[in-house]
């Protein structure tokens, strides 16, 4: 008979990367683009609040007063703002900047700030983390994993994943200077459990065409299955 499962839920934090230049959108921050009645930023905060993810760190420049920031009521969880130095050093540098705020967390969700369906991504990852921790508590435990990551069309969606914080720290030490380094270089060597994304859950907003597709999907959820392969 296997050992009793742990009754304590793992502590899960989040790093939300929001620091891109948004050149294709005339400098408007992609997490603040409105579609479907709200913004990716609002939906991400709501999803993290629903799954009791704490703390939440946003890596980027805090929204300026003249930007269309979400209303105060949308900030369901407190947000800690951090910035990589120098700015725009890439996602690996952004992750390094955010790690200092994750003391005490066992796992961290690593999320792009422009996900179209953040609630689905957050819910799936949190459930997978909790299941992985329960599995590791028994005598018949599977090999431990340090990352749980979505894969869409055969490509790793590194910014739709959950990672053990200690594994992230070790990976950063092994990487060295993270500025300008690809996120794959940082995370690709971790023991990973993959989640196949067959329903477009990890779609994000890279281009104006992506924005129009997102608007169509949120207006008619059945259109999700008709999205073009990415």
Foldseek 3Di string as FASTA:
>chain_A
DKDAFDPDFAAEAEEEEFADQPVQPVRQGLQQDDALHGGLQLQLQVLCLVVVHPDYEYEHDPDDPPHPDDDPVSNSHDYHYWYFPPHPQDDLSSVVGPLVVQPPGFKYQQAYSFFLQNNVLSVVQSVVSRVLSRLVRIPNRDDHFFKEFEAEPNHTPNRSIMGGSVLLVVLDVVVDDSGNPDVCSSPVVTRYHYDYDQQSRRQGPPHVVSVVQSNVCSVPVVCSNVDDGD
